[in-house]
């Protein structure tokens, strides 16, 4: 393998290895956010209607802020918000896309480092495989 290609490949492999820790941290954060969201939805869902929440507020069982959240839940639908992408979720997607790009670059560098004979052998094997599988489909 050419020294420059090896250097580039090793740098990307090291970066992938180091990016795994922030990815794991973001995944744990997202899981906590989802658990908190689920808890909020279940606490809001204990009231069948805004009127029931108003009655609970009137008796002092819930605060005004909680009452407003229950009313908002019924007006907008909390479940709709569950599908919304959070900052953490978007950060995870961005990081994963970057890591996929790095993996592709590593594969490209490794391909370029192969001798021409080896690349030709691999191309022929792929063509043979494609022909065999296209015949099976027909």
Foldseek 3Di string as FASTA:
>chain_A
DDPVLVVLLVVLVVVLVVLVVVLVVLVVVVVVVLVVLVVLVVVLVVDPDLVSLVVCVVVVVDDPVNSVVSNVCVVPPSVVVSPDQDPSNVVSVVSVVVNVVSVVSSVVSVLVPDDPVVNVVVVVVVVVVVVVVVVVVD
